[in-house]
Structure formats: structure tokens, C-alpha cells
Amino acid sequence: MALIECPECKNQVSEYALTCPNCGTPIARTEENKSDGDAHSTKQELNKKFKLYTIISSVLFWVGIIVFLINFKNNNESNDLKVVMIASASLAIIGLVWYLVTKVRTWWNNR
């Protein structure tokens, strides 16, 4: 029985353990996926990337909505205000579309 390092907490764990007793990270690995870059670690890296995309897209959406609503209250008919409102609405739409695409990609990679 060999000890391996937990990928999350770096604690020494039996290679036959299902999860790390310290942090609970899944550890069990079969013979066919013991190489680096196996499907499990690739899926974990993709999930981390998708979580980051979800956060960024949510921030874009909410910043766009907030700026749009602040400028909507002003009701000034200047050209600068129209440009800001169009830009903020575009930012909100881009954030929303990016969020939806990220959710579909997350679902697609986890099925």
C-alpha cells in the first residue's frame, strides 16, 4: 500500500482511500486513469474554469443592469446618456448570454 498526496490539502492518503480523511476530496483512482491529465482531473479543471466564467458573466450582467437603471432614472435626452444606456444594456446582454452559454457547457461536460 502506497501513500499518495491529496491534490487539495497535500495530506498523505492511502492510494486505496475513496476520499481524503482531512478535506474530503475524492482520491480513488483506477489503474487505467493513473496518468496525469486523466478524465477526473480534466473535469475538475473545467469545472473550476466554468465557475470563474459564471462569476465574471454574472458581474458583467449586474453591472450593466445597475448602470442602465441609474441612467434610466435621469431621463435626460443627451447623446452621452444614450450611449451610456446602450453600452450598459449591451453589457447586461453579453453577461446574460455568456452566463447561459457557460451553464450549457457545464451541463454538457458533466453529463
PDB file of N, CA and C in Angstrom:
ATOM      1  N   MET A   1       0.844  -1.168   0.000  1.00  0.00           N
ATOM      2  CA  MET A   1       0.000   0.000   0.000  1.00  0.00           C
ATOM      3  C   MET A   1       0.890   1.231   0.000  1.00  0.00           C
ATOM      4  N   ALA A   2       0.649   2.111  -0.951  1.00  0.00           N
ATOM      5  CA  ALA A   2       1.441   3.326  -1.065  1.00  0.00           C
ATOM      6  C   ALA A   2       0.624   4.531  -0.615  1.00  0.00           C
ATOM      7  N   LEU A   3       1.337   5.538  -0.160  1.00  0.00           N
ATOM      8  CA  LEU A   3       0.681   6.787   0.206  1.00  0.00           C
ATOM      9  C   LEU A   3       0.832   7.768  -0.946  1.00  0.00           C
ATOM     10  N   ILE A   4      -0.239   8.465  -1.250  1.00  0.00           N
ATOM     11  CA  ILE A   4      -0.206   9.488  -2.286  1.00  0.00           C
ATOM     12  C   ILE A   4      -0.596  10.817  -1.657  1.00  0.00           C
ATOM     13  N   GLU A   5      -0.324  11.885  -2.382  1.00  0.00           N
ATOM     14  CA  GLU A   5      -0.620  13.215  -1.879  1.00  0.00           C
ATOM     15  C   GLU A   5      -2.008  13.654  -2.341  1.00  0.00           C
ATOM     16  N   CYS A   6      -2.795  14.168  -1.398  1.00  0.00           N
ATOM     17  CA  CYS A   6      -4.116  14.703  -1.734  1.00  0.00           C
ATOM     18  C   CYS A   6      -3.928  15.936  -2.626  1.00  0.00           C
ATOM     19  N   PRO A   7      -4.656  16.032  -3.742  1.00  0.00           N
ATOM     20  CA  PRO A   7      -4.476  17.177  -4.641  1.00  0.00           C
ATOM     21  C   PRO A   7      -4.928  18.508  -4.039  1.00  0.00           C
ATOM     22  N   GLU A   8      -5.785  18.470  -3.043  1.00  0.00           N
ATOM     23  CA  GLU A   8      -6.298  19.715  -2.455  1.00  0.00           C
ATOM     24  C   GLU A   8      -5.489  20.157  -1.253  1.00  0.00           C
ATOM     25  N   CYS A   9      -5.366  19.295  -0.224  1.00  0.00           N
ATOM     26  CA  CYS A   9      -4.741  19.708   1.041  1.00  0.00           C
ATOM     27  C   CYS A   9      -3.301  19.231   1.178  1.00  0.00           C
ATOM     28  N   LYS A  10      -2.804  18.436   0.227  1.00  0.00           N
ATOM     29  CA  LYS A  10      -1.428  17.914   0.224  1.00  0.00           C
ATOM     30  C   LYS A  10      -1.138  16.963   1.384  1.00  0.00           C
ATOM     31  N   ASN A  11      -2.177  16.412   2.007  1.00  0.00           N
ATOM     32  CA  ASN A  11      -2.041  15.448   3.093  1.00  0.00           C
ATOM     33  C   ASN A  11      -1.716  14.076   2.492  1.00  0.00           C
ATOM     34  N   GLN A  12      -0.976  13.235   3.200  1.00  0.00           N
ATOM     35  CA  GLN A  12      -0.668  11.891   2.738  1.00  0.00           C
ATOM     36  C   GLN A  12      -1.887  10.988   2.954  1.00  0.00           C
ATOM     37  N   VAL A  13      -2.291  10.281   1.885  1.00  0.00           N
ATOM     38  CA  VAL A  13      -3.502   9.465   1.909  1.00  0.00           C
ATOM     39  C   VAL A  13      -3.183   8.132   1.236  1.00  0.00           C
ATOM     40  N   SER A  14      -3.820   7.069   1.697  1.00  0.00           N
ATOM     41  CA  SER A  14      -3.666   5.769   1.062  1.00  0.00           C
ATOM     42  C   SER A  14      -4.170   5.825  -0.372  1.00  0.00           C
ATOM     43  N   GLU A  15      -3.486   5.120  -1.260  1.00  0.00           N
ATOM     44  CA  GLU A  15      -3.920   5.116  -2.652  1.00  0.00           C
ATOM     45  C   GLU A  15      -5.263   4.412  -2.837  1.00  0.00           C
ATOM     46  N   TYR A  16      -5.694   3.664  -1.840  1.00  0.00           N
ATOM     47  CA  TYR A  16      -6.963   2.957  -1.918  1.00  0.00           C
ATOM     48  C   TYR A  16      -8.114   3.713  -1.245  1.00  0.00           C
ATOM     49  N   ALA A  17      -7.812   4.839  -0.629  1.00  0.00           N
ATOM     50  CA  ALA A  17      -8.859   5.618   0.046  1.00  0.00           C
ATOM     51  C   ALA A  17      -9.808   6.214  -0.992  1.00  0.00           C
ATOM     52  N   LEU A  18     -11.080   6.231  -0.640  1.00  0.00           N
ATOM     53  CA  LEU A  18     -12.063   6.827  -1.541  1.00  0.00           C
ATOM     54  C   LEU A  18     -12.009   8.345  -1.502  1.00  0.00           C
ATOM     55  N   THR A  19     -11.832   8.891  -0.295  1.00  0.00           N
ATOM     56  CA  THR A  19     -11.730  10.338  -0.137  1.00  0.00           C
ATOM     57  C   THR A  19     -10.622  10.649   0.860  1.00  0.00           C
ATOM     58  N   CYS A  20     -10.143  11.869   0.828  1.00  0.00           N
ATOM     59  CA  CYS A  20      -9.130  12.314   1.783  1.00  0.00           C
ATOM     60  C   CYS A  20      -9.789  12.459   3.155  1.00  0.00           C
ATOM     61  N   PRO A  21      -9.225  11.861   4.203  1.00  0.00           N
ATOM     62  CA  PRO A  21      -9.835  11.991   5.525  1.00  0.00           C
ATOM     63  C   PRO A  21      -9.727  13.408   6.090  1.00  0.00           C
ATOM     64  N   ASN A  22      -8.826  14.204   5.544  1.00  0.00           N
ATOM     65  CA  ASN A  22      -8.632  15.564   6.038  1.00  0.00           C
ATOM     66  C   ASN A  22      -9.613  16.551   5.407  1.00  0.00           C
ATOM     67  N   CYS A  23      -9.759  16.519   4.065  1.00  0.00           N
ATOM     68  CA  CYS A  23     -10.590  17.531   3.394  1.00  0.00           C
ATOM     69  C   CYS A  23     -11.782  16.946   2.642  1.00  0.00           C
ATOM     70  N   GLY A  24     -11.827  15.637   2.442  1.00  0.00           N
ATOM     71  CA  GLY A  24     -12.970  15.020   1.781  1.00  0.00           C
ATOM     72  C   GLY A  24     -12.888  14.965   0.262  1.00  0.00           C
ATOM     73  N   THR A  25     -11.770  15.359  -0.312  1.00  0.00           N
ATOM     74  CA  THR A  25     -11.598  15.326  -1.764  1.00  0.00           C
ATOM     75  C   THR A  25     -11.568  13.878  -2.247  1.00  0.00           C
ATOM     76  N   PRO A  26     -12.260  13.537  -3.343  1.00  0.00           N
ATOM     77  CA  PRO A  26     -12.222  12.172  -3.876  1.00  0.00           C
ATOM     78  C   PRO A  26     -10.791  11.781  -4.263  1.00  0.00           C
ATOM     79  N   ILE A  27     -10.370  10.570  -3.875  1.00  0.00           N
ATOM     80  CA  ILE A  27      -8.995  10.125  -4.095  1.00  0.00           C
ATOM     81  C   ILE A  27      -8.922   8.886  -4.975  1.00  0.00           C
ATOM     82  N   ALA A  28      -9.877   7.973  -4.853  1.00  0.00           N
ATOM     83  CA  ALA A  28      -9.791   6.665  -5.508  1.00  0.00           C
ATOM     84  C   ALA A  28      -9.517   6.811  -6.992  1.00  0.00           C
ATOM     85  N   ARG A  29      -8.533   6.045  -7.461  1.00  0.00           N
ATOM     86  CA  ARG A  29      -8.162   6.083  -8.872  1.00  0.00           C
ATOM     87  C   ARG A  29      -7.998   4.646  -9.363  1.00  0.00           C
ATOM     88  N   THR A  30      -8.451   4.386 -10.552  1.00  0.00           N
ATOM     89  CA  THR A  30      -8.301   3.055 -11.128  1.00  0.00           C
ATOM     90  C   THR A  30      -6.998   2.991 -11.912  1.00  0.00           C
ATOM     91  N   GLU A  31      -6.605   1.799 -12.280  1.00  0.00           N
ATOM     92  CA  GLU A  31      -5.347   1.614 -12.997  1.00  0.00           C
ATOM     93  C   GLU A  31      -5.340   2.321 -14.350  1.00  0.00           C
ATOM     94  N   GLU A  32      -6.475   2.368 -15.030  1.00  0.00           N
ATOM     95  CA  GLU A  32      -6.489   2.951 -16.371  1.00  0.00           C
ATOM     96  C   GLU A  32      -6.421   4.472 -16.372  1.00  0.00           C
ATOM     97  N   ASN A  33      -6.653   5.130 -15.231  1.00  0.00           N
ATOM     98  CA  ASN A  33      -6.582   6.588 -15.237  1.00  0.00           C
ATOM     99  C   ASN A  33      -5.563   7.131 -14.237  1.00  0.00           C
ATOM    100  N   LYS A  34      -4.482   6.384 -13.979  1.00  0.00           N
ATOM    101  CA  LYS A  34      -3.469   6.841 -13.037  1.00  0.00           C
ATOM    102  C   LYS A  34      -2.525   7.871 -13.641  1.00  0.00           C
ATOM    103  N   SER A  35      -2.542   8.069 -14.941  1.00  0.00           N
ATOM    104  CA  SER A  35      -1.637   9.041 -15.551  1.00  0.00           C
ATOM    105  C   SER A  35      -2.111  10.461 -15.268  1.00  0.00           C
ATOM    106  N   ASP A  36      -1.168  11.403 -15.359  1.00  0.00           N
ATOM    107  CA  ASP A  36      -1.531  12.804 -15.179  1.00  0.00           C
ATOM    108  C   ASP A  36      -2.437  13.242 -16.314  1.00  0.00           C
ATOM    109  N   GLY A  37      -3.388  14.122 -16.013  1.00  0.00           N
ATOM    110  CA  GLY A  37      -4.307  14.596 -17.038  1.00  0.00           C
ATOM    111  C   GLY A  37      -5.429  13.632 -17.322  1.00  0.00           C
ATOM    112  N   ASP A  38      -5.759  12.778 -16.370  1.00  0.00           N
ATOM    113  CA  ASP A  38      -6.844  11.838 -16.592  1.00  0.00           C
ATOM    114  C   ASP A  38      -8.183  12.571 -16.659  1.00  0.00           C
ATOM    115  N   ALA A  39      -9.224  11.838 -16.961  1.00  0.00           N
ATOM    116  CA  ALA A  39     -10.535  12.452 -17.173  1.00  0.00           C
ATOM    117  C   ALA A  39     -11.054  13.139 -15.918  1.00  0.00           C
ATOM    118  N   HIS A  40     -10.773  12.567 -14.750  1.00  0.00           N
ATOM    119  CA  HIS A  40     -11.269  13.147 -13.495  1.00  0.00           C
ATOM    120  C   HIS A  40     -10.640  14.516 -13.239  1.00  0.00           C
ATOM    121  N   SER A  41      -9.314  14.609 -13.371  1.00  0.00           N
ATOM    122  CA  SER A  41      -8.656  15.898 -13.112  1.00  0.00           C
ATOM    123  C   SER A  41      -8.989  16.908 -14.198  1.00  0.00           C
ATOM    124  N   THR A  42      -9.166  16.460 -15.428  1.00  0.00           N
ATOM    125  CA  THR A  42      -9.550  17.368 -16.506  1.00  0.00           C
ATOM    126  C   THR A  42     -10.935  17.937 -16.244  1.00  0.00           C
ATOM    127  N   LYS A  43     -11.855  17.099 -15.775  1.00  0.00           N
ATOM    128  CA  LYS A  43     -13.206  17.566 -15.467  1.00  0.00           C
ATOM    129  C   LYS A  43     -13.179  18.565 -14.317  1.00  0.00           C
ATOM    130  N   GLN A  44     -12.322  18.328 -13.312  1.00  0.00           N
ATOM    131  CA  GLN A  44     -12.207  19.261 -12.198  1.00  0.00           C
ATOM    132  C   GLN A  44     -11.678  20.609 -12.670  1.00  0.00           C
ATOM    133  N   GLU A  45     -10.679  20.602 -13.552  1.00  0.00           N
ATOM    134  CA  GLU A  45     -10.131  21.858 -14.073  1.00  0.00           C
ATOM    135  C   GLU A  45     -11.180  22.605 -14.891  1.00  0.00           C
ATOM    136  N   LEU A  46     -11.957  21.880 -15.703  1.00  0.00           N
ATOM    137  CA  LEU A  46     -13.020  22.518 -16.479  1.00  0.00           C
ATOM    138  C   LEU A  46     -14.071  23.113 -15.560  1.00  0.00           C
ATOM    139  N   ASN A  47     -14.431  22.405 -14.497  1.00  0.00           N
ATOM    140  CA  ASN A  47     -15.429  22.929 -13.569  1.00  0.00           C
ATOM    141  C   ASN A  47     -14.947  24.200 -12.888  1.00  0.00           C
ATOM    142  N   LYS A  48     -13.659  24.265 -12.536  1.00  0.00           N
ATOM    143  CA  LYS A  48     -13.111  25.484 -11.946  1.00  0.00           C
ATOM    144  C   LYS A  48     -13.172  26.639 -12.948  1.00  0.00           C
ATOM    145  N   LYS A  49     -12.845  26.337 -14.190  1.00  0.00           N
ATOM    146  CA  LYS A  49     -12.880  27.369 -15.231  1.00  0.00           C
ATOM    147  C   LYS A  49     -14.313  27.852 -15.443  1.00  0.00           C
ATOM    148  N   PHE A  50     -15.256  26.932 -15.471  1.00  0.00           N
ATOM    149  CA  PHE A  50     -16.653  27.313 -15.675  1.00  0.00           C
ATOM    150  C   PHE A  50     -17.194  28.117 -14.495  1.00  0.00           C
ATOM    151  N   LYS A  51     -16.746  27.820 -13.287  1.00  0.00           N
ATOM    152  CA  LYS A  51     -17.162  28.612 -12.132  1.00  0.00           C
ATOM    153  C   LYS A  51     -16.651  30.045 -12.257  1.00  0.00           C
ATOM    154  N   LEU A  52     -15.420  30.204 -12.709  1.00  0.00           N
ATOM    155  CA  LEU A  52     -14.870  31.542 -12.924  1.00  0.00           C
ATOM    156  C   LEU A  52     -15.664  32.279 -13.997  1.00  0.00           C
ATOM    157  N   TYR A  53     -15.991  31.593 -15.088  1.00  0.00           N
ATOM    158  CA  TYR A  53     -16.793  32.214 -16.150  1.00  0.00           C
ATOM    159  C   TYR A  53     -18.171  32.622 -15.641  1.00  0.00           C
ATOM    160  N   THR A  54     -18.756  31.798 -14.778  1.00  0.00           N
ATOM    161  CA  THR A  54     -20.069  32.120 -14.219  1.00  0.00           C
ATOM    162  C   THR A  54     -19.992  33.384 -13.375  1.00  0.00           C
ATOM    163  N   ILE A  55     -18.958  33.500 -12.574  1.00  0.00           N
ATOM    164  CA  ILE A  55     -18.802  34.693 -11.734  1.00  0.00           C
ATOM    165  C   ILE A  55     -18.594  35.940 -12.596  1.00  0.00           C
ATOM    166  N   ILE A  56     -17.714  35.857 -13.585  1.00  0.00           N
ATOM    167  CA  ILE A  56     -17.433  37.018 -14.441  1.00  0.00           C
ATOM    168  C   ILE A  56     -18.682  37.430 -15.211  1.00  0.00           C
ATOM    169  N   SER A  57     -19.398  36.465 -15.770  1.00  0.00           N
ATOM    170  CA  SER A  57     -20.595  36.803 -16.547  1.00  0.00           C
ATOM    171  C   SER A  57     -21.681  37.392 -15.660  1.00  0.00           C
ATOM    172  N   SER A  58     -21.795  36.903 -14.435  1.00  0.00           N
ATOM    173  CA  SER A  58     -22.783  37.464 -13.506  1.00  0.00           C
ATOM    174  C   SER A  58     -22.442  38.905 -13.148  1.00  0.00           C
ATOM    175  N   VAL A  59     -21.161  39.176 -12.917  1.00  0.00           N
ATOM    176  CA  VAL A  59     -20.743  40.542 -12.607  1.00  0.00           C
ATOM    177  C   VAL A  59     -21.025  41.468 -13.784  1.00  0.00           C
ATOM    178  N   LEU A  60     -20.708  41.025 -14.999  1.00  0.00           N
ATOM    179  CA  LEU A  60     -20.995  41.845 -16.185  1.00  0.00           C
ATOM    180  C   LEU A  60     -22.486  42.150 -16.294  1.00  0.00           C
ATOM    181  N   PHE A  61     -23.309  41.134 -16.102  1.00  0.00           N
ATOM    182  CA  PHE A  61     -24.748  41.315 -16.203  1.00  0.00           C
ATOM    183  C   PHE A  61     -25.239  42.336 -15.181  1.00  0.00           C
ATOM    184  N   TRP A  62     -24.865  42.156 -13.909  1.00  0.00           N
ATOM    185  CA  TRP A  62     -25.381  43.037 -12.866  1.00  0.00           C
ATOM    186  C   TRP A  62     -24.828  44.455 -12.960  1.00  0.00           C
ATOM    187  N   VAL A  63     -23.578  44.613 -13.377  1.00  0.00           N
ATOM    188  CA  VAL A  63     -23.045  45.968 -13.578  1.00  0.00           C
ATOM    189  C   VAL A  63     -23.811  46.656 -14.698  1.00  0.00           C
ATOM    190  N   GLY A  64     -24.060  45.942 -15.781  1.00  0.00           N
ATOM    191  CA  GLY A  64     -24.831  46.515 -16.883  1.00  0.00           C
ATOM    192  C   GLY A  64     -26.233  46.926 -16.459  1.00  0.00           C
ATOM    193  N   ILE A  65     -26.904  46.073 -15.694  1.00  0.00           N
ATOM    194  CA  ILE A  65     -28.261  46.374 -15.219  1.00  0.00           C
ATOM    195  C   ILE A  65     -28.257  47.589 -14.290  1.00  0.00           C
ATOM    196  N   ILE A  66     -27.315  47.616 -13.352  1.00  0.00           N
ATOM    197  CA  ILE A  66     -27.274  48.723 -12.385  1.00  0.00           C
ATOM    198  C   ILE A  66     -26.980  50.050 -13.082  1.00  0.00           C
ATOM    199  N   VAL A  67     -26.004  50.078 -13.982  1.00  0.00           N
ATOM    200  CA  VAL A  67     -25.686  51.316 -14.701  1.00  0.00           C
ATOM    201  C   VAL A  67     -26.870  51.745 -15.561  1.00  0.00           C
ATOM    202  N   PHE A  68     -27.527  50.797 -16.197  1.00  0.00           N
ATOM    203  CA  PHE A  68     -28.694  51.128 -17.018  1.00  0.00           C
ATOM    204  C   PHE A  68     -29.801  51.753 -16.168  1.00  0.00           C
ATOM    205  N   LEU A  69     -30.096  51.142 -15.028  1.00  0.00           N
ATOM    206  CA  LEU A  69     -31.174  51.657 -14.174  1.00  0.00           C
ATOM    207  C   LEU A  69     -30.834  53.025 -13.575  1.00  0.00           C
ATOM    208  N   ILE A  70     -29.587  53.239 -13.216  1.00  0.00           N
ATOM    209  CA  ILE A  70     -29.190  54.548 -12.697  1.00  0.00           C
ATOM    210  C   ILE A  70     -29.375  55.623 -13.756  1.00  0.00           C
ATOM    211  N   ASN A  71     -28.987  55.327 -14.979  1.00  0.00           N
ATOM    212  CA  ASN A  71     -29.111  56.307 -16.053  1.00  0.00           C
ATOM    213  C   ASN A  71     -30.542  56.431 -16.554  1.00  0.00           C
ATOM    214  N   PHE A  72     -31.341  55.386 -16.388  1.00  0.00           N
ATOM    215  CA  PHE A  72     -32.740  55.436 -16.801  1.00  0.00           C
ATOM    216  C   PHE A  72     -33.522  56.430 -15.947  1.00  0.00           C
ATOM    217  N   LYS A  73     -33.153  56.565 -14.676  1.00  0.00           N
ATOM    218  CA  LYS A  73     -33.823  57.499 -13.780  1.00  0.00           C
ATOM    219  C   LYS A  73     -33.587  58.958 -14.188  1.00  0.00           C
ATOM    220  N   ASN A  74     -32.455  59.240 -14.826  1.00  0.00           N
ATOM    221  CA  ASN A  74     -32.104  60.617 -15.172  1.00  0.00           C
ATOM    222  C   ASN A  74     -33.015  61.218 -16.234  1.00  0.00           C
ATOM    223  N   ASN A  75     -33.506  60.428 -17.165  1.00  0.00           N
ATOM    224  CA  ASN A  75     -34.402  60.880 -18.237  1.00  0.00           C
ATOM    225  C   ASN A  75     -33.895  62.090 -18.994  1.00  0.00           C
ATOM    226  N   ASN A  76     -32.610  62.304 -19.017  1.00  0.00           N
ATOM    227  CA  ASN A  76     -32.024  63.389 -19.794  1.00  0.00           C
ATOM    228  C   ASN A  76     -31.854  62.890 -21.229  1.00  0.00           C
ATOM    229  N   GLU A  77     -32.152  63.698 -22.196  1.00  0.00           N
ATOM    230  CA  GLU A  77     -32.125  63.273 -23.608  1.00  0.00           C
ATOM    231  C   GLU A  77     -30.791  63.571 -24.280  1.00  0.00           C
ATOM    232  N   SER A  78     -29.707  63.670 -23.535  1.00  0.00           N
ATOM    233  CA  SER A  78     -28.407  63.952 -24.151  1.00  0.00           C
ATOM    234  C   SER A  78     -27.881  62.712 -24.862  1.00  0.00           C
ATOM    235  N   ASN A  79     -27.033  62.959 -25.844  1.00  0.00           N
ATOM    236  CA  ASN A  79     -26.457  61.861 -26.621  1.00  0.00           C
ATOM    237  C   ASN A  79     -25.515  61.013 -25.778  1.00  0.00           C
ATOM    238  N   ASP A  80     -24.817  61.656 -24.830  1.00  0.00           N
ATOM    239  CA  ASP A  80     -23.914  60.896 -23.959  1.00  0.00           C
ATOM    240  C   ASP A  80     -24.683  59.890 -23.113  1.00  0.00           C
ATOM    241  N   LEU A  81     -25.821  60.279 -22.625  1.00  0.00           N
ATOM    242  CA  LEU A  81     -26.635  59.389 -21.804  1.00  0.00           C
ATOM    243  C   LEU A  81     -27.145  58.212 -22.630  1.00  0.00           C
ATOM    244  N   LYS A  82     -27.524  58.488 -23.868  1.00  0.00           N
ATOM    245  CA  LYS A  82     -27.988  57.397 -24.741  1.00  0.00           C
ATOM    246  C   LYS A  82     -26.877  56.396 -24.999  1.00  0.00           C
ATOM    247  N   VAL A  83     -25.665  56.890 -25.194  1.00  0.00           N
ATOM    248  CA  VAL A  83     -24.529  55.996 -25.441  1.00  0.00           C
ATOM    249  C   VAL A  83     -24.256  55.135 -24.213  1.00  0.00           C
ATOM    250  N   VAL A  84     -24.310  55.756 -23.038  1.00  0.00           N
ATOM    251  CA  VAL A  84     -24.083  55.014 -21.796  1.00  0.00           C
ATOM    252  C   VAL A  84     -25.168  53.969 -21.599  1.00  0.00           C
ATOM    253  N   MET A  85     -26.414  54.313 -21.883  1.00  0.00           N
ATOM    254  CA  MET A  85     -27.505  53.352 -21.715  1.00  0.00           C
ATOM    255  C   MET A  85     -27.390  52.197 -22.703  1.00  0.00           C
ATOM    256  N   ILE A  86     -27.015  52.501 -23.936  1.00  0.00           N
ATOM    257  CA  ILE A  86     -26.833  51.434 -24.932  1.00  0.00           C
ATOM    258  C   ILE A  86     -25.666  50.534 -24.516  1.00  0.00           C
ATOM    259  N   ALA A  87     -24.566  51.137 -24.045  1.00  0.00           N
ATOM    260  CA  ALA A  87     -23.403  50.355 -23.632  1.00  0.00           C
ATOM    261  C   ALA A  87     -23.741  49.481 -22.422  1.00  0.00           C
ATOM    262  N   SER A  88     -24.472  50.032 -21.456  1.00  0.00           N
ATOM    263  CA  SER A  88     -24.804  49.244 -20.264  1.00  0.00           C
ATOM    264  C   SER A  88     -25.798  48.131 -20.595  1.00  0.00           C
ATOM    265  N   ALA A  89     -26.752  48.405 -21.480  1.00  0.00           N
ATOM    266  CA  ALA A  89     -27.686  47.355 -21.895  1.00  0.00           C
ATOM    267  C   ALA A  89     -26.939  46.251 -22.659  1.00  0.00           C
ATOM    268  N   SER A  90     -25.988  46.653 -23.495  1.00  0.00           N
ATOM    269  CA  SER A  90     -25.185  45.668 -24.228  1.00  0.00           C
ATOM    270  C   SER A  90     -24.355  44.819 -23.269  1.00  0.00           C
ATOM    271  N   LEU A  91     -23.788  45.464 -22.243  1.00  0.00           N
ATOM    272  CA  LEU A  91     -23.012  44.746 -21.250  1.00  0.00           C
ATOM    273  C   LEU A  91     -23.876  43.723 -20.508  1.00  0.00           C
ATOM    274  N   ALA A  92     -25.088  44.113 -20.162  1.00  0.00           N
ATOM    275  CA  ALA A  92     -26.005  43.192 -19.479  1.00  0.00           C
ATOM    276  C   ALA A  92     -26.371  42.018 -20.389  1.00  0.00           C
ATOM    277  N   ILE A  93     -26.612  42.276 -21.660  1.00  0.00           N
ATOM    278  CA  ILE A  93     -26.963  41.211 -22.609  1.00  0.00           C
ATOM    279  C   ILE A  93     -25.788  40.263 -22.807  1.00  0.00           C
ATOM    280  N   ILE A  94     -24.593  40.822 -22.955  1.00  0.00           N
ATOM    281  CA  ILE A  94     -23.396  39.983 -23.114  1.00  0.00           C
ATOM    282  C   ILE A  94     -23.194  39.112 -21.873  1.00  0.00           C
ATOM    283  N   GLY A  95     -23.360  39.707 -20.695  1.00  0.00           N
ATOM    284  CA  GLY A  95     -23.213  38.939 -19.458  1.00  0.00           C
ATOM    285  C   GLY A  95     -24.234  37.824 -19.361  1.00  0.00           C
ATOM    286  N   LEU A  96     -25.477  38.110 -19.739  1.00  0.00           N
ATOM    287  CA  LEU A  96     -26.530  37.104 -19.683  1.00  0.00           C
ATOM    288  C   LEU A  96     -26.265  35.963 -20.664  1.00  0.00           C
ATOM    289  N   VAL A  97     -25.882  36.298 -21.887  1.00  0.00           N
ATOM    290  CA  VAL A  97     -25.602  35.263 -22.890  1.00  0.00           C
ATOM    291  C   VAL A  97     -24.406  34.417 -22.462  1.00  0.00           C
ATOM    292  N   TRP A  98     -23.353  35.075 -21.957  1.00  0.00           N
ATOM    293  CA  TRP A  98     -22.170  34.344 -21.508  1.00  0.00           C
ATOM    294  C   TRP A  98     -22.524  33.414 -20.344  1.00  0.00           C
ATOM    295  N   TYR A  99     -23.363  33.874 -19.444  1.00  0.00           N
ATOM    296  CA  TYR A  99     -23.810  33.046 -18.319  1.00  0.00           C
ATOM    297  C   TYR A  99     -24.555  31.807 -18.826  1.00  0.00           C
ATOM    298  N   LEU A 100     -25.492  32.018 -19.746  1.00  0.00           N
ATOM    299  CA  LEU A 100     -26.269  30.884 -20.271  1.00  0.00           C
ATOM    300  C   LEU A 100     -25.386  29.895 -21.018  1.00  0.00           C
ATOM    301  N   VAL A 101     -24.457  30.404 -21.823  1.00  0.00           N
ATOM    302  CA  VAL A 101     -23.543  29.526 -22.558  1.00  0.00           C
ATOM    303  C   VAL A 101     -22.675  28.731 -21.583  1.00  0.00           C
ATOM    304  N   THR A 102     -22.204  29.377 -20.521  1.00  0.00           N
ATOM    305  CA  THR A 102     -21.394  28.681 -19.518  1.00  0.00           C
ATOM    306  C   THR A 102     -22.189  27.587 -18.828  1.00  0.00           C
ATOM    307  N   LYS A 103     -23.450  27.863 -18.507  1.00  0.00           N
ATOM    308  CA  LYS A 103     -24.279  26.843 -17.864  1.00  0.00           C
ATOM    309  C   LYS A 103     -24.514  25.649 -18.799  1.00  0.00           C
ATOM    310  N   VAL A 104     -24.726  25.902 -20.072  1.00  0.00           N
ATOM    311  CA  VAL A 104     -24.915  24.810 -21.036  1.00  0.00           C
ATOM    312  C   VAL A 104     -23.626  24.013 -21.173  1.00  0.00           C
ATOM    313  N   ARG A 105     -22.483  24.690 -21.243  1.00  0.00           N
ATOM    314  CA  ARG A 105     -21.200  23.994 -21.347  1.00  0.00           C
ATOM    315  C   ARG A 105     -20.918  23.158 -20.095  1.00  0.00           C
ATOM    316  N   THR A 106     -21.269  23.686 -18.933  1.00  0.00           N
ATOM    317  CA  THR A 106     -21.088  22.936 -17.685  1.00  0.00           C
ATOM    318  C   THR A 106     -21.946  21.677 -17.704  1.00  0.00           C
ATOM    319  N   TRP A 107     -23.195  21.830 -18.094  1.00  0.00           N
ATOM    320  CA  TRP A 107     -24.082  20.670 -18.186  1.00  0.00           C
ATOM    321  C   TRP A 107     -23.533  19.658 -19.192  1.00  0.00           C
ATOM    322  N   TRP A 108     -23.079  20.133 -20.337  1.00  0.00           N
ATOM    323  CA  TRP A 108     -22.607  19.256 -21.400  1.00  0.00           C
ATOM    324  C   TRP A 108     -21.379  18.453 -20.935  1.00  0.00           C
ATOM    325  N   ASN A 109     -20.462  19.081 -20.218  1.00  0.00           N
ATOM    326  CA  ASN A 109     -19.247  18.398 -19.773  1.00  0.00           C
ATOM    327  C   ASN A 109     -19.460  17.507 -18.566  1.00  0.00           C
ATOM    328  N   ASN A 110     -20.570  17.661 -17.850  1.00  0.00           N
ATOM    329  CA  ASN A 110     -20.828  16.842 -16.660  1.00  0.00           C
ATOM    330  C   ASN A 110     -21.838  15.739 -16.895  1.00  0.00           C
ATOM    331  N   ARG A 111     -22.321  15.577 -18.085  1.00  0.00           N
ATOM    332  CA  ARG A 111     -23.313  14.531 -18.310  1.00  0.00           C
ATOM    333  C   ARG A 111     -22.666  13.196 -18.553  1.00  0.00           C
TER     334      ARG A 111
END
